[in-house]
PDB file of N, CA and C in Angstrom:
ATOM      1  N   UNK A   1     -22.886 120.457-102.285  1.00  0.00           N
ATOM      2  CA  UNK A   1     -22.697 120.468-103.970  1.00  0.00           C
ATOM      3  C   UNK A   1     -23.119 122.278-104.081  1.00  0.00           C
ATOM      4  N   UNK A   2     -22.551 122.853-103.677  1.00  0.00           N
ATOM      5  CA  UNK A   2     -23.210 124.328-103.822  1.00  0.00           C
ATOM      6  C   UNK A   2     -23.286 125.072-105.223  1.00  0.00           C
ATOM      7  N   UNK A   3     -24.658 125.819-105.796  1.00  0.00           N
ATOM      8  CA  UNK A   3     -24.243 125.874-106.938  1.00  0.00           C
ATOM      9  C   UNK A   3     -23.893 127.507-106.733  1.00  0.00           C
ATOM     10  N   UNK A   4     -22.853 127.498-107.535  1.00  0.00           N
ATOM     11  CA  UNK A   4     -21.983 128.951-107.688  1.00  0.00           C
ATOM     12  C   UNK A   4     -22.643 129.893-108.435  1.00  0.00           C
ATOM     13  N   UNK A   5     -23.379 129.494-109.583  1.00  0.00           N
ATOM     14  CA  UNK A   5     -23.670 130.151-110.523  1.00  0.00           C
ATOM     15  C   UNK A   5     -24.867 129.532-111.390  1.00  0.00           C
ATOM     16  N   UNK A   6     -25.609 130.272-111.885  1.00  0.00           N
ATOM     17  CA  UNK A   6     -26.838 129.889-112.801  1.00  0.00           C
ATOM     18  C   UNK A   6     -27.067 130.834-113.870  1.00  0.00           C
ATOM     19  N   UNK A   7     -26.762 130.347-115.078  1.00  0.00           N
ATOM     20  CA  UNK A   7     -26.788 131.031-116.271  1.00  0.00           C
ATOM     21  C   UNK A   7     -27.935 130.272-117.399  1.00  0.00           C
ATOM     22  N   UNK A   8     -29.062 130.958-117.326  1.00  0.00           N
ATOM     23  CA  UNK A   8     -30.301 130.355-118.141  1.00  0.00           C
ATOM     24  C   UNK A   8     -30.286 129.068-117.651  1.00  0.00           C
ATOM     25  N   UNK A   9     -30.564 128.119-118.429  1.00  0.00           N
ATOM     26  CA  UNK A   9     -31.052 126.662-117.505  1.00  0.00           C
ATOM     27  C   UNK A   9     -30.109 125.956-117.338  1.00  0.00           C
ATOM     28  N   UNK A  10     -28.718 126.543-116.951  1.00  0.00           N
ATOM     29  CA  UNK A  10     -27.170 126.131-116.463  1.00  0.00           C
ATOM     30  C   UNK A  10     -27.075 126.473-115.067  1.00  0.00           C
ATOM     31  N   UNK A  11     -26.756 125.004-114.338  1.00  0.00           N
ATOM     32  CA  UNK A  11     -26.751 125.238-112.503  1.00  0.00           C
ATOM     33  C   UNK A  11     -25.035 124.940-112.899  1.00  0.00           C
ATOM     34  N   UNK A  12     -24.103 125.733-112.362  1.00  0.00           N
ATOM     35  CA  UNK A  12     -22.742 125.537-112.132  1.00  0.00           C
ATOM     36  C   UNK A  12     -22.496 125.198-110.871  1.00  0.00           C
ATOM     37  N   UNK A  13     -22.072 124.068-110.279  1.00  0.00           N
ATOM     38  CA  UNK A  13     -21.650 123.636-108.906  1.00  0.00           C
ATOM     39  C   UNK A  13     -20.571 123.555-109.146  1.00  0.00           C
ATOM     40  N   UNK A  14     -19.666 123.591-107.710  1.00  0.00           N
ATOM     41  CA  UNK A  14     -18.359 122.993-107.399  1.00  0.00           C
ATOM     42  C   UNK A  14     -18.386 121.896-105.760  1.00  0.00           C
ATOM     43  N   UNK A  15     -17.840 120.955-106.108  1.00  0.00           N
ATOM     44  CA  UNK A  15     -18.281 119.708-105.247  1.00  0.00           C
ATOM     45  C   UNK A  15     -17.202 120.103-104.216  1.00  0.00           C
ATOM     46  N   UNK A  16     -17.786 119.894-102.873  1.00  0.00           N
ATOM     47  CA  UNK A  16     -17.241 120.361-101.854  1.00  0.00           C
ATOM     48  C   UNK A  16     -16.110 119.211-101.346  1.00  0.00           C
ATOM     49  N   UNK A  17     -16.387 118.077-101.651  1.00  0.00           N
ATOM     50  CA  UNK A  17     -15.278 117.151-101.303  1.00  0.00           C
ATOM     51  C   UNK A  17     -14.174 117.074-102.224  1.00  0.00           C
ATOM     52  N   UNK A  18     -13.988 117.872-103.447  1.00  0.00           N
ATOM     53  CA  UNK A  18     -13.174 117.873-104.745  1.00  0.00           C
ATOM     54  C   UNK A  18     -11.933 118.291-104.171  1.00  0.00           C
ATOM     55  N   UNK A  19     -10.882 117.824-105.086  1.00  0.00           N
ATOM     56  CA  UNK A  19      -9.456 117.889-105.214  1.00  0.00           C
ATOM     57  C   UNK A  19      -8.726 118.877-106.167  1.00  0.00           C
ATOM     58  N   UNK A  20      -7.371 119.474-106.254  1.00  0.00           N
ATOM     59  CA  UNK A  20      -7.237 120.068-107.564  1.00  0.00           C
ATOM     60  C   UNK A  20      -6.891 118.661-108.246  1.00  0.00           C
ATOM     61  N   UNK A  21      -7.196 119.724-109.587  1.00  0.00           N
ATOM     62  CA  UNK A  21      -6.898 120.939-110.209  1.00  0.00           C
ATOM     63  C   UNK A  21      -8.351 121.468-110.215  1.00  0.00           C
ATOM     64  N   UNK A  22      -8.597 122.399-109.924  1.00  0.00           N
ATOM     65  CA  UNK A  22      -9.903 122.996-110.002  1.00  0.00           C
ATOM     66  C   UNK A  22     -11.152 123.020-111.079  1.00  0.00           C
ATOM     67  N   UNK A  23     -11.992 122.512-110.824  1.00  0.00           N
ATOM     68  CA  UNK A  23     -12.710 122.364-111.905  1.00  0.00           C
ATOM     69  C   UNK A  23     -14.439 122.502-111.454  1.00  0.00           C
ATOM     70  N   UNK A  24     -15.438 122.439-112.029  1.00  0.00           N
ATOM     71  CA  UNK A  24     -16.770 122.871-112.120  1.00  0.00           C
ATOM     72  C   UNK A  24     -17.366 121.522-112.686  1.00  0.00           C
ATOM     73  N   UNK A  25     -18.831 121.389-112.333  1.00  0.00           N
ATOM     74  CA  UNK A  25     -19.418 120.449-112.920  1.00  0.00           C
ATOM     75  C   UNK A  25     -20.827 121.290-113.501  1.00  0.00           C
ATOM     76  N   UNK A  26     -21.150 121.355-114.668  1.00  0.00           N
ATOM     77  CA  UNK A  26     -21.959 122.451-115.202  1.00  0.00           C
ATOM     78  C   UNK A  26     -23.283 121.149-115.481  1.00  0.00           C
ATOM     79  N   UNK A  27     -24.360 121.375-114.924  1.00  0.00           N
ATOM     80  CA  UNK A  27     -25.660 120.573-115.003  1.00  0.00           C
ATOM     81  C   UNK A  27     -27.178 121.131-115.734  1.00  0.00           C
ATOM     82  N   UNK A  28     -27.540 120.559-117.199  1.00  0.00           N
ATOM     83  CA  UNK A  28     -28.696 120.882-117.338  1.00  0.00           C
ATOM     84  C   UNK A  28     -29.578 119.646-117.992  1.00  0.00           C
ATOM     85  N   UNK A  29     -29.575 119.562-119.097  1.00  0.00           N
ATOM     86  CA  UNK A  29     -30.063 118.004-119.384  1.00  0.00           C
ATOM     87  C   UNK A  29     -28.975 116.857-118.936  1.00  0.00           C
ATOM     88  N   UNK A  30     -27.573 117.202-119.043  1.00  0.00           N
ATOM     89  CA  UNK A  30     -26.893 116.157-118.500  1.00  0.00           C
ATOM     90  C   UNK A  30     -25.679 117.194-117.922  1.00  0.00           C
ATOM     91  N   UNK A  31     -24.404 116.646-117.764  1.00  0.00           N
ATOM     92  CA  UNK A  31     -23.578 117.341-116.894  1.00  0.00           C
ATOM     93  C   UNK A  31     -22.518 117.364-117.934  1.00  0.00           C
ATOM     94  N   UNK A  32     -21.774 118.532-117.757  1.00  0.00           N
ATOM     95  CA  UNK A  32     -20.535 118.627-118.191  1.00  0.00           C
ATOM     96  C   UNK A  32     -19.205 119.145-117.616  1.00  0.00           C
ATOM     97  N   UNK A  33     -18.292 118.523-117.121  1.00  0.00           N
ATOM     98  CA  UNK A  33     -17.655 118.613-116.198  1.00  0.00           C
ATOM     99  C   UNK A  33     -16.269 119.512-116.757  1.00  0.00           C
ATOM    100  N   UNK A  34     -16.031 120.488-116.484  1.00  0.00           N
ATOM    101  CA  UNK A  34     -15.088 121.441-116.929  1.00  0.00           C
ATOM    102  C   UNK A  34     -13.662 121.823-115.995  1.00  0.00           C
ATOM    103  N   UNK A  35     -12.688 121.381-116.426  1.00  0.00           N
ATOM    104  CA  UNK A  35     -11.422 122.158-115.700  1.00  0.00           C
ATOM    105  C   UNK A  35     -11.134 123.263-115.890  1.00  0.00           C
ATOM    106  N   UNK A  36     -10.914 124.051-114.812  1.00  0.00           N
ATOM    107  CA  UNK A  36     -10.689 125.527-114.988  1.00  0.00           C
ATOM    108  C   UNK A  36      -9.596 125.975-115.531  1.00  0.00           C
ATOM    109  N   UNK A  37      -8.393 124.957-115.750  1.00  0.00           N
ATOM    110  CA  UNK A  37      -7.114 125.517-116.328  1.00  0.00           C
ATOM    111  C   UNK A  37      -6.949 124.035-117.283  1.00  0.00           C
ATOM    112  N   UNK A  38      -6.671 124.009-118.891  1.00  0.00           N
ATOM    113  CA  UNK A  38      -6.392 123.312-119.531  1.00  0.00           C
ATOM    114  C   UNK A  38      -5.009 123.336-119.723  1.00  0.00           C
ATOM    115  N   UNK A  39      -4.313 122.275-120.883  1.00  0.00           N
ATOM    116  CA  UNK A  39      -3.189 122.618-121.388  1.00  0.00           C
ATOM    117  C   UNK A  39      -2.462 123.849-121.586  1.00  0.00           C
ATOM    118  N   UNK A  40      -3.318 124.685-122.438  1.00  0.00           N
ATOM    119  CA  UNK A  40      -3.397 126.264-123.081  1.00  0.00           C
ATOM    120  C   UNK A  40      -3.592 127.524-121.940  1.00  0.00           C
ATOM    121  N   UNK A  41      -3.894 126.989-120.669  1.00  0.00           N
ATOM    122  CA  UNK A  41      -4.354 127.896-119.648  1.00  0.00           C
ATOM    123  C   UNK A  41      -5.697 128.155-119.579  1.00  0.00           C
ATOM    124  N   UNK A  42      -6.420 127.438-120.326  1.00  0.00           N
ATOM    125  CA  UNK A  42      -7.722 127.843-120.631  1.00  0.00           C
ATOM    126  C   UNK A  42      -8.609 126.731-120.128  1.00  0.00           C
ATOM    127  N   UNK A  43      -9.822 127.390-119.587  1.00  0.00           N
ATOM    128  CA  UNK A  43     -10.883 125.741-118.967  1.00  0.00           C
ATOM    129  C   UNK A  43     -11.119 125.278-120.501  1.00  0.00           C
ATOM    130  N   UNK A  44     -11.181 124.021-120.122  1.00  0.00           N
ATOM    131  CA  UNK A  44     -11.339 122.967-121.016  1.00  0.00           C
ATOM    132  C   UNK A  44     -12.379 121.551-120.439  1.00  0.00           C
ATOM    133  N   UNK A  45     -12.989 120.951-121.312  1.00  0.00           N
ATOM    134  CA  UNK A  45     -13.971 120.055-121.093  1.00  0.00           C
ATOM    135  C   UNK A  45     -13.305 118.913-120.647  1.00  0.00           C
ATOM    136  N   UNK A  46     -13.596 118.174-119.807  1.00  0.00           N
ATOM    137  CA  UNK A  46     -12.719 116.657-119.033  1.00  0.00           C
ATOM    138  C   UNK A  46     -14.055 115.842-119.577  1.00  0.00           C
ATOM    139  N   UNK A  47     -15.133 115.528-118.894  1.00  0.00           N
ATOM    140  CA  UNK A  47     -16.004 114.935-119.187  1.00  0.00           C
ATOM    141  C   UNK A  47     -17.298 115.496-119.481  1.00  0.00           C
ATOM    142  N   UNK A  48     -18.184 114.617-120.688  1.00  0.00           N
ATOM    143  CA  UNK A  48     -19.862 114.930-120.798  1.00  0.00           C
ATOM    144  C   UNK A  48     -20.507 113.806-120.305  1.00  0.00           C
ATOM    145  N   UNK A  49     -21.348 113.877-119.658  1.00  0.00           N
ATOM    146  CA  UNK A  49     -22.482 112.766-119.326  1.00  0.00           C
ATOM    147  C   UNK A  49     -24.168 112.670-119.667  1.00  0.00           C
ATOM    148  N   UNK A  50     -24.486 112.760-120.931  1.00  0.00           N
ATOM    149  CA  UNK A  50     -25.569 113.052-120.672  1.00  0.00           C
ATOM    150  C   UNK A  50     -26.279 114.563-121.660  1.00  0.00           C
ATOM    151  N   UNK A  51     -25.162 115.196-121.450  1.00  0.00           N
ATOM    152  CA  UNK A  51     -25.219 116.405-122.562  1.00  0.00           C
ATOM    153  C   UNK A  51     -24.606 116.433-123.703  1.00  0.00           C
ATOM    154  N   UNK A  52     -25.585 117.228-124.883  1.00  0.00           N
ATOM    155  CA  UNK A  52     -25.464 117.129-126.227  1.00  0.00           C
ATOM    156  C   UNK A  52     -24.618 118.378-126.148  1.00  0.00           C
ATOM    157  N   UNK A  53     -23.566 118.306-127.731  1.00  0.00           N
ATOM    158  CA  UNK A  53     -22.896 119.026-127.875  1.00  0.00           C
ATOM    159  C   UNK A  53     -22.789 120.514-127.510  1.00  0.00           C
ATOM    160  N   UNK A  54     -24.179 121.011-127.875  1.00  0.00           N
ATOM    161  CA  UNK A  54     -24.562 122.256-127.778  1.00  0.00           C
ATOM    162  C   UNK A  54     -24.061 122.742-126.342  1.00  0.00           C
ATOM    163  N   UNK A  55     -24.975 122.194-125.680  1.00  0.00           N
ATOM    164  CA  UNK A  55     -25.341 122.282-124.154  1.00  0.00           C
ATOM    165  C   UNK A  55     -23.577 122.532-123.969  1.00  0.00           C
ATOM    166  N   UNK A  56     -23.093 121.352-124.240  1.00  0.00           N
ATOM    167  CA  UNK A  56     -21.538 121.443-123.702  1.00  0.00           C
ATOM    168  C   UNK A  56     -20.727 122.624-124.106  1.00  0.00           C
ATOM    169  N   UNK A  57     -20.992 122.787-125.510  1.00  0.00           N
ATOM    170  CA  UNK A  57     -20.207 123.879-126.088  1.00  0.00           C
ATOM    171  C   UNK A  57     -20.767 125.499-125.117  1.00  0.00           C
ATOM    172  N   UNK A  58     -21.746 125.756-124.799  1.00  0.00           N
ATOM    173  CA  UNK A  58     -22.353 126.750-124.143  1.00  0.00           C
ATOM    174  C   UNK A  58     -21.990 126.936-122.549  1.00  0.00           C
ATOM    175  N   UNK A  59     -21.858 125.645-122.194  1.00  0.00           N
ATOM    176  CA  UNK A  59     -21.214 125.335-120.635  1.00  0.00           C
ATOM    177  C   UNK A  59     -19.941 126.008-120.631  1.00  0.00           C
ATOM    178  N   UNK A  60     -19.131 125.355-121.727  1.00  0.00           N
ATOM    179  CA  UNK A  60     -17.696 125.717-121.824  1.00  0.00           C
ATOM    180  C   UNK A  60     -17.547 127.545-122.029  1.00  0.00           C
ATOM    181  N   UNK A  61     -18.448 127.478-123.012  1.00  0.00           N
ATOM    182  CA  UNK A  61     -18.271 129.435-123.068  1.00  0.00           C
ATOM    183  C   UNK A  61     -18.557 130.581-121.660  1.00  0.00           C
ATOM    184  N   UNK A  62     -19.255 129.699-121.273  1.00  0.00           N
ATOM    185  CA  UNK A  62     -19.877 130.776-119.979  1.00  0.00           C
ATOM    186  C   UNK A  62     -18.715 130.401-118.894  1.00  0.00           C
ATOM    187  N   UNK A  63     -18.262 129.011-118.758  1.00  0.00           N
ATOM    188  CA  UNK A  63     -17.051 128.961-117.861  1.00  0.00           C
ATOM    189  C   UNK A  63     -15.586 129.606-118.199  1.00  0.00           C
ATOM    190  N   UNK A  64     -15.240 129.816-119.539  1.00  0.00           N
ATOM    191  CA  UNK A  64     -14.497 130.459-120.039  1.00  0.00           C
ATOM    192  C   UNK A  64     -14.592 132.048-119.773  1.00  0.00           C
ATOM    193  N   UNK A  65     -15.973 132.711-119.663  1.00  0.00           N
ATOM    194  CA  UNK A  65     -16.261 133.790-119.350  1.00  0.00           C
ATOM    195  C   UNK A  65     -15.952 134.450-118.088  1.00  0.00           C
ATOM    196  N   UNK A  66     -16.150 133.732-117.253  1.00  0.00           N
ATOM    197  CA  UNK A  66     -16.529 133.423-115.812  1.00  0.00           C
ATOM    198  C   UNK A  66     -15.500 133.020-114.798  1.00  0.00           C
ATOM    199  N   UNK A  67     -14.480 132.317-115.623  1.00  0.00           N
ATOM    200  CA  UNK A  67     -13.655 131.610-114.891  1.00  0.00           C
ATOM    201  C   UNK A  67     -12.766 132.009-113.676  1.00  0.00           C
ATOM    202  N   UNK A  68     -12.723 133.408-113.719  1.00  0.00           N
ATOM    203  CA  UNK A  68     -11.973 134.245-112.238  1.00  0.00           C
ATOM    204  C   UNK A  68     -12.924 133.997-111.439  1.00  0.00           C
ATOM    205  N   UNK A  69     -14.133 134.586-111.643  1.00  0.00           N
ATOM    206  CA  UNK A  69     -15.351 134.646-110.369  1.00  0.00           C
ATOM    207  C   UNK A  69     -15.184 132.812-110.087  1.00  0.00           C
ATOM    208  N   UNK A  70     -15.499 131.882-110.723  1.00  0.00           N
ATOM    209  CA  UNK A  70     -15.247 130.455-110.743  1.00  0.00           C
ATOM    210  C   UNK A  70     -14.312 129.949-109.861  1.00  0.00           C
ATOM    211  N   UNK A  71     -12.876 130.497-110.211  1.00  0.00           N
ATOM    212  CA  UNK A  71     -11.774 130.303-109.461  1.00  0.00           C
ATOM    213  C   UNK A  71     -11.674 130.647-107.999  1.00  0.00           C
ATOM    214  N   UNK A  72     -12.436 131.959-108.056  1.00  0.00           N
ATOM    215  CA  UNK A  72     -12.278 132.540-106.511  1.00  0.00           C
ATOM    216  C   UNK A  72     -13.417 131.671-105.564  1.00  0.00           C
ATOM    217  N   UNK A  73     -14.344 131.200-106.426  1.00  0.00           N
ATOM    218  CA  UNK A  73     -15.506 130.747-105.620  1.00  0.00           C
ATOM    219  C   UNK A  73     -14.569 128.806-105.112  1.00  0.00           C
ATOM    220  N   UNK A  74     -14.001 128.503-106.252  1.00  0.00           N
ATOM    221  CA  UNK A  74     -13.606 127.184-105.751  1.00  0.00           C
ATOM    222  C   UNK A  74     -12.357 127.192-104.602  1.00  0.00           C
ATOM    223  N   UNK A  75     -11.516 128.487-104.750  1.00  0.00           N
ATOM    224  CA  UNK A  75     -10.738 128.644-103.503  1.00  0.00           C
ATOM    225  C   UNK A  75     -11.575 128.924-102.317  1.00  0.00           C
ATOM    226  N   UNK A  76     -12.454 129.257-101.958  1.00  0.00           N
ATOM    227  CA  UNK A  76     -13.108 129.853-100.962  1.00  0.00           C
ATOM    228  C   UNK A  76     -13.834 128.710-100.584  1.00  0.00           C
ATOM    229  N   UNK A  77     -13.922 127.821-101.374  1.00  0.00           N
ATOM    230  CA  UNK A  77     -14.474 126.456-100.974  1.00  0.00           C
ATOM    231  C   UNK A  77     -13.895 125.467-100.496  1.00  0.00           C
ATOM    232  N   UNK A  78     -12.201 125.294-100.836  1.00  0.00           N
ATOM    233  CA  UNK A  78     -11.347 124.636-100.963  1.00  0.00           C
ATOM    234  C   UNK A  78     -10.050 125.135 -99.725  1.00  0.00           C
ATOM    235  N   UNK A  79     -10.001 126.342 -99.689  1.00  0.00           N
ATOM    236  CA  UNK A  79      -9.434 127.548 -98.842  1.00  0.00           C
ATOM    237  C   UNK A  79      -7.607 126.823 -99.280  1.00  0.00           C
TER     238      UNK A  79
END
């Protein structure tokens, strides 16, 4: 599971054995799993494990800002 981006204390990871739809896992004190495409074609939170709301909101904001980069990384890993 390679770390593809670090923003402050957040670590954004893509699992190599994952499957579509594209998503990332953001780790800090907990984990926030974020789909890169939601119903309105925006990144959206899928699951939160141990992360507080503030951490998850920050994770979502960063993923939305960096979505094109993260999608490119996801496509390179999953070809």
